[in-house]
Amino acid sequence: MNATQNTAKSTTAADKKFDGFTDEERAAMKEHAKELKKAARLGAAKADGERDVLEKIAEMKESDRVLAERFHVIVTASAPALTPKLWYGMPAYAKDGKVVCFFQSAEKFKARYATIGFNDIATLDEGTMWPTAFAVTALTADDEARLAELVKRAVS
């Protein structure tokens, strides 16, 4: 291989963009790294986690903020033992340091709806298949009651 071929080959490789993660996913991973560093530095105090969650919710655009605020109220009322914390830049609620449930704004990943999700630590098992995430555009009284029941079951 001559020098011209070598240069062309390296230039081509450098010009290629890795498409494995979106910009939003990379940003979420960077936020998570910052969260881990901050937790290690400050300790995992519940008050700090709640303040961080409320600050993150306050930054959201109105449609997401309204949903996140309601979810925060539902979780803290239904399962006060869960600790609010940020998780990949999203409001989340943990038991013994492990995230049980979370709120993902529509804006975060440029989706058309927000998501309320439950991780595998949540004990929501129903037979051989059950939902672990919900697309949310609004919360009715029935929706809020269902979420409250799910959050209670998730930590039982």
C-alpha atoms as a PDB file:
ATOM      1  CA  MET A   1       0.000   0.000   0.000  1.00  0.00           C
ATOM      2  CA  ASN A   2       1.406   3.404  -0.882  1.00  0.00           C
ATOM      3  CA  ALA A   3       1.109   6.643   1.108  1.00  0.00           C
ATOM      4  CA  THR A   4      -1.800   7.919  -1.018  1.00  0.00           C
ATOM      5  CA  GLN A   5      -3.885   4.815  -0.359  1.00  0.00           C
ATOM      6  CA  ASN A   6      -3.040   4.923   3.342  1.00  0.00           C
ATOM      7  CA  THR A   7      -4.131   8.570   3.657  1.00  0.00           C
ATOM      8  CA  ALA A   8      -7.348   7.956   1.763  1.00  0.00           C
ATOM      9  CA  LYS A   9      -8.166   4.986   3.950  1.00  0.00           C
ATOM     10  CA  SER A  10      -7.647   6.850   7.236  1.00  0.00           C
ATOM     11  CA  THR A  11      -9.576   9.898   6.014  1.00  0.00           C
ATOM     12  CA  THR A  12     -12.520   7.715   5.024  1.00  0.00           C
ATOM     13  CA  ALA A  13     -12.553   6.001   8.407  1.00  0.00           C
ATOM     14  CA  ALA A  14     -12.432   9.342  10.231  1.00  0.00           C
ATOM     15  CA  ASP A  15     -15.321  10.713   8.159  1.00  0.00           C
ATOM     16  CA  LYS A  16     -17.623   7.837   9.061  1.00  0.00           C
ATOM     17  CA  LYS A  17     -19.992   8.556  11.930  1.00  0.00           C
ATOM     18  CA  PHE A  18     -20.868   5.810  14.384  1.00  0.00           C
ATOM     19  CA  ASP A  19     -24.662   5.485  14.408  1.00  0.00           C
ATOM     20  CA  GLY A  20     -24.951   3.329  17.540  1.00  0.00           C
ATOM     21  CA  PHE A  21     -26.337   6.060  19.828  1.00  0.00           C
ATOM     22  CA  THR A  22     -28.390   9.141  19.107  1.00  0.00           C
ATOM     23  CA  ASP A  23     -27.262  12.545  20.331  1.00  0.00           C
ATOM     24  CA  GLU A  24     -30.031  12.351  22.955  1.00  0.00           C
ATOM     25  CA  GLU A  25     -28.820   8.943  24.177  1.00  0.00           C
ATOM     26  CA  ARG A  26     -25.227  10.192  24.420  1.00  0.00           C
ATOM     27  CA  ALA A  27     -26.440  13.236  26.362  1.00  0.00           C
ATOM     28  CA  ALA A  28     -28.394  10.979  28.747  1.00  0.00           C
ATOM     29  CA  MET A  29     -25.294   8.844  29.353  1.00  0.00           C
ATOM     30  CA  LYS A  30     -23.252  11.961  30.090  1.00  0.00           C
ATOM     31  CA  GLU A  31     -25.932  13.133  32.543  1.00  0.00           C
ATOM     32  CA  HIS A  32     -25.859   9.734  34.232  1.00  0.00           C
ATOM     33  CA  ALA A  33     -22.071   9.908  34.614  1.00  0.00           C
ATOM     34  CA  LYS A  34     -22.421  13.341  36.253  1.00  0.00           C
ATOM     35  CA  GLU A  35     -25.146  11.973  38.556  1.00  0.00           C
ATOM     36  CA  LEU A  36     -22.898   9.098  39.655  1.00  0.00           C
ATOM     37  CA  LYS A  37     -19.975  11.448  40.332  1.00  0.00           C
ATOM     38  CA  LYS A  38     -22.185  13.824  42.315  1.00  0.00           C
ATOM     39  CA  ALA A  39     -23.691  10.975  44.361  1.00  0.00           C
ATOM     40  CA  ALA A  40     -20.235   9.647  45.164  1.00  0.00           C
ATOM     41  CA  ARG A  41     -19.084  13.112  46.182  1.00  0.00           C
ATOM     42  CA  LEU A  42     -22.086  14.109  48.268  1.00  0.00           C
ATOM     43  CA  GLY A  43     -23.500  10.794  49.400  1.00  0.00           C
ATOM     44  CA  ALA A  44     -26.961   9.619  48.428  1.00  0.00           C
ATOM     45  CA  ALA A  45     -28.937  11.904  50.720  1.00  0.00           C
ATOM     46  CA  LYS A  46     -32.688  11.767  50.106  1.00  0.00           C
ATOM     47  CA  ALA A  47     -33.083  15.543  50.409  1.00  0.00           C
ATOM     48  CA  ASP A  48     -30.499  16.175  47.688  1.00  0.00           C
ATOM     49  CA  GLY A  49     -32.154  13.617  45.400  1.00  0.00           C
ATOM     50  CA  GLU A  50     -35.549  15.192  45.847  1.00  0.00           C
ATOM     51  CA  ARG A  51     -34.180  18.667  45.207  1.00  0.00           C
ATOM     52  CA  ASP A  52     -32.442  17.431  42.053  1.00  0.00           C
ATOM     53  CA  VAL A  53     -35.648  15.756  40.821  1.00  0.00           C
ATOM     54  CA  LEU A  54     -37.747  18.860  41.474  1.00  0.00           C
ATOM     55  CA  GLU A  55     -35.174  21.045  39.708  1.00  0.00           C
ATOM     56  CA  LYS A  56     -35.171  18.710  36.692  1.00  0.00           C
ATOM     57  CA  ILE A  57     -38.976  18.737  36.586  1.00  0.00           C
ATOM     58  CA  ALA A  58     -39.000  22.556  36.771  1.00  0.00           C
ATOM     59  CA  GLU A  59     -36.742  22.683  33.674  1.00  0.00           C
ATOM     60  CA  MET A  60     -39.213  20.684  31.555  1.00  0.00           C
ATOM     61  CA  LYS A  61     -41.543  22.261  29.051  1.00  0.00           C
ATOM     62  CA  GLU A  62     -45.054  22.697  30.432  1.00  0.00           C
ATOM     63  CA  SER A  63     -46.736  19.601  28.978  1.00  0.00           C
ATOM     64  CA  ASP A  64     -44.027  17.310  30.400  1.00  0.00           C
ATOM     65  CA  ARG A  65     -43.689  19.300  33.624  1.00  0.00           C
ATOM     66  CA  VAL A  66     -47.382  18.905  34.507  1.00  0.00           C
ATOM     67  CA  LEU A  67     -47.170  15.124  34.042  1.00  0.00           C
ATOM     68  CA  ALA A  68     -43.880  14.815  35.939  1.00  0.00           C
ATOM     69  CA  GLU A  69     -45.189  16.883  38.853  1.00  0.00           C
ATOM     70  CA  ARG A  70     -48.281  14.677  39.130  1.00  0.00           C
ATOM     71  CA  PHE A  71     -46.167  11.518  38.928  1.00  0.00           C
ATOM     72  CA  HIS A  72     -43.859  12.856  41.645  1.00  0.00           C
ATOM     73  CA  VAL A  73     -46.853  13.489  43.918  1.00  0.00           C
ATOM     74  CA  ILE A  74     -48.276  10.023  43.179  1.00  0.00           C
ATOM     75  CA  VAL A  75     -44.997   8.238  43.901  1.00  0.00           C
ATOM     76  CA  THR A  76     -44.117  10.157  47.062  1.00  0.00           C
ATOM     77  CA  ALA A  77     -47.642   9.657  48.440  1.00  0.00           C
ATOM     78  CA  SER A  78     -47.991   5.992  47.415  1.00  0.00           C
ATOM     79  CA  ALA A  79     -44.490   4.816  48.310  1.00  0.00           C
ATOM     80  CA  PRO A  80     -42.769   7.257  50.684  1.00  0.00           C
ATOM     81  CA  ALA A  81     -39.947   4.741  51.196  1.00  0.00           C
ATOM     82  CA  LEU A  82     -38.751   5.311  47.624  1.00  0.00           C
ATOM     83  CA  THR A  83     -35.904   7.783  47.281  1.00  0.00           C
ATOM     84  CA  PRO A  84     -36.153  10.401  44.523  1.00  0.00           C
ATOM     85  CA  LYS A  85     -33.031  10.646  42.379  1.00  0.00           C
ATOM     86  CA  LEU A  86     -31.973  11.524  38.867  1.00  0.00           C
ATOM     87  CA  TRP A  87     -31.351   8.600  36.540  1.00  0.00           C
ATOM     88  CA  TYR A  88     -29.933   9.356  33.089  1.00  0.00           C
ATOM     89  CA  GLY A  89     -31.217  12.882  33.621  1.00  0.00           C
ATOM     90  CA  MET A  90     -34.760  11.702  34.366  1.00  0.00           C
ATOM     91  CA  PRO A  91     -36.767  11.881  37.584  1.00  0.00           C
ATOM     92  CA  ALA A  92     -36.633   8.427  39.142  1.00  0.00           C
ATOM     93  CA  TYR A  93     -37.505   6.729  42.416  1.00  0.00           C
ATOM     94  CA  ALA A  94     -35.274   4.104  43.978  1.00  0.00           C
ATOM     95  CA  LYS A  95     -35.399   1.420  46.634  1.00  0.00           C
ATOM     96  CA  ASP A  96     -32.045   0.521  48.212  1.00  0.00           C
ATOM     97  CA  GLY A  97     -30.301   2.484  45.463  1.00  0.00           C
ATOM     98  CA  LYS A  98     -32.008   0.616  42.589  1.00  0.00           C
ATOM     99  CA  VAL A  99     -34.451   2.513  40.369  1.00  0.00           C
ATOM    100  CA  VAL A 100     -37.978   1.162  40.658  1.00  0.00           C
ATOM    101  CA  CYS A 101     -39.820   3.680  38.457  1.00  0.00           C
ATOM    102  CA  PHE A 102     -39.084   6.765  36.398  1.00  0.00           C
ATOM    103  CA  PHE A 103     -40.549   9.558  34.304  1.00  0.00           C
ATOM    104  CA  GLN A 104     -39.139  10.241  30.844  1.00  0.00           C
ATOM    105  CA  SER A 105     -40.246  13.493  29.246  1.00  0.00           C
ATOM    106  CA  ALA A 106     -41.351  13.474  25.619  1.00  0.00           C
ATOM    107  CA  GLU A 107     -38.837  16.197  24.893  1.00  0.00           C
ATOM    108  CA  LYS A 108     -35.842  14.211  26.199  1.00  0.00           C
ATOM    109  CA  PHE A 109     -35.771  11.790  23.268  1.00  0.00           C
ATOM    110  CA  LYS A 110     -37.934  13.852  20.897  1.00  0.00           C
ATOM    111  CA  ALA A 111     -40.850  11.458  21.315  1.00  0.00           C
ATOM    112  CA  ARG A 112     -44.504  12.303  20.840  1.00  0.00           C
ATOM    113  CA  TYR A 113     -45.403  11.219  24.376  1.00  0.00           C
ATOM    114  CA  ALA A 114     -43.868  11.045  27.849  1.00  0.00           C
ATOM    115  CA  THR A 115     -43.161   7.648  29.374  1.00  0.00           C
ATOM    116  CA  ILE A 116     -43.703   6.351  32.885  1.00  0.00           C
ATOM    117  CA  GLY A 117     -41.694   3.203  33.351  1.00  0.00           C
ATOM    118  CA  PHE A 118     -40.939   0.512  35.890  1.00  0.00           C
ATOM    119  CA  ASN A 119     -37.651  -1.392  36.047  1.00  0.00           C
ATOM    120  CA  ASP A 120     -37.344  -5.098  36.739  1.00  0.00           C
ATOM    121  CA  ILE A 121     -36.937  -4.503  40.481  1.00  0.00           C
ATOM    122  CA  ALA A 122     -40.627  -3.480  40.492  1.00  0.00           C
ATOM    123  CA  THR A 123     -42.730  -6.479  41.450  1.00  0.00           C
ATOM    124  CA  LEU A 124     -45.496  -6.009  38.897  1.00  0.00           C
ATOM    125  CA  ASP A 125     -45.503  -9.580  37.607  1.00  0.00           C
ATOM    126  CA  GLU A 126     -48.857 -10.765  36.248  1.00  0.00           C
ATOM    127  CA  GLY A 127     -48.676 -14.215  34.691  1.00  0.00           C
ATOM    128  CA  THR A 128     -46.209 -14.475  31.836  1.00  0.00           C
ATOM    129  CA  MET A 129     -46.517 -10.938  30.450  1.00  0.00           C
ATOM    130  CA  TRP A 130     -47.159  -7.471  31.925  1.00  0.00           C
ATOM    131  CA  PRO A 131     -46.532  -3.838  30.967  1.00  0.00           C
ATOM    132  CA  THR A 132     -43.450  -2.074  32.288  1.00  0.00           C
ATOM    133  CA  ALA A 133     -43.832   1.283  30.539  1.00  0.00           C
ATOM    134  CA  PHE A 134     -46.752   3.517  29.688  1.00  0.00           C
ATOM    135  CA  ALA A 135     -47.054   6.209  27.041  1.00  0.00           C
ATOM    136  CA  VAL A 136     -48.593   9.248  28.727  1.00  0.00           C
ATOM    137  CA  THR A 137     -50.097  12.369  27.175  1.00  0.00           C
ATOM    138  CA  ALA A 138     -52.382  13.296  30.099  1.00  0.00           C
ATOM    139  CA  LEU A 139     -53.313  11.856  33.483  1.00  0.00           C
ATOM    140  CA  THR A 140     -56.961  11.370  34.369  1.00  0.00           C
ATOM    141  CA  ALA A 141     -58.138  10.567  37.900  1.00  0.00           C
ATOM    142  CA  ASP A 142     -58.410   6.897  36.842  1.00  0.00           C
ATOM    143  CA  ASP A 143     -54.864   6.976  35.430  1.00  0.00           C
ATOM    144  CA  GLU A 144     -53.550   8.466  38.655  1.00  0.00           C
ATOM    145  CA  ALA A 145     -55.326   5.810  40.728  1.00  0.00           C
ATOM    146  CA  ARG A 146     -53.873   3.073  38.509  1.00  0.00           C
ATOM    147  CA  LEU A 147     -50.367   4.516  38.804  1.00  0.00           C
ATOM    148  CA  ALA A 148     -50.697   4.805  42.586  1.00  0.00           C
ATOM    149  CA  GLU A 149     -51.702   1.135  42.748  1.00  0.00           C
ATOM    150  CA  LEU A 150     -48.813   0.115  40.472  1.00  0.00           C
ATOM    151  CA  VAL A 151     -46.281   2.099  42.523  1.00  0.00           C
ATOM    152  CA  LYS A 152     -47.533   0.478  45.747  1.00  0.00           C
ATOM    153  CA  ARG A 153     -47.276  -2.991  44.155  1.00  0.00           C
ATOM    154  CA  ALA A 154     -43.851  -2.189  42.747  1.00  0.00           C
ATOM    155  CA  VAL A 155     -42.358  -1.839  46.219  1.00  0.00           C
ATOM    156  CA  SER A 156     -44.281  -4.559  48.017  1.00  0.00           C
END
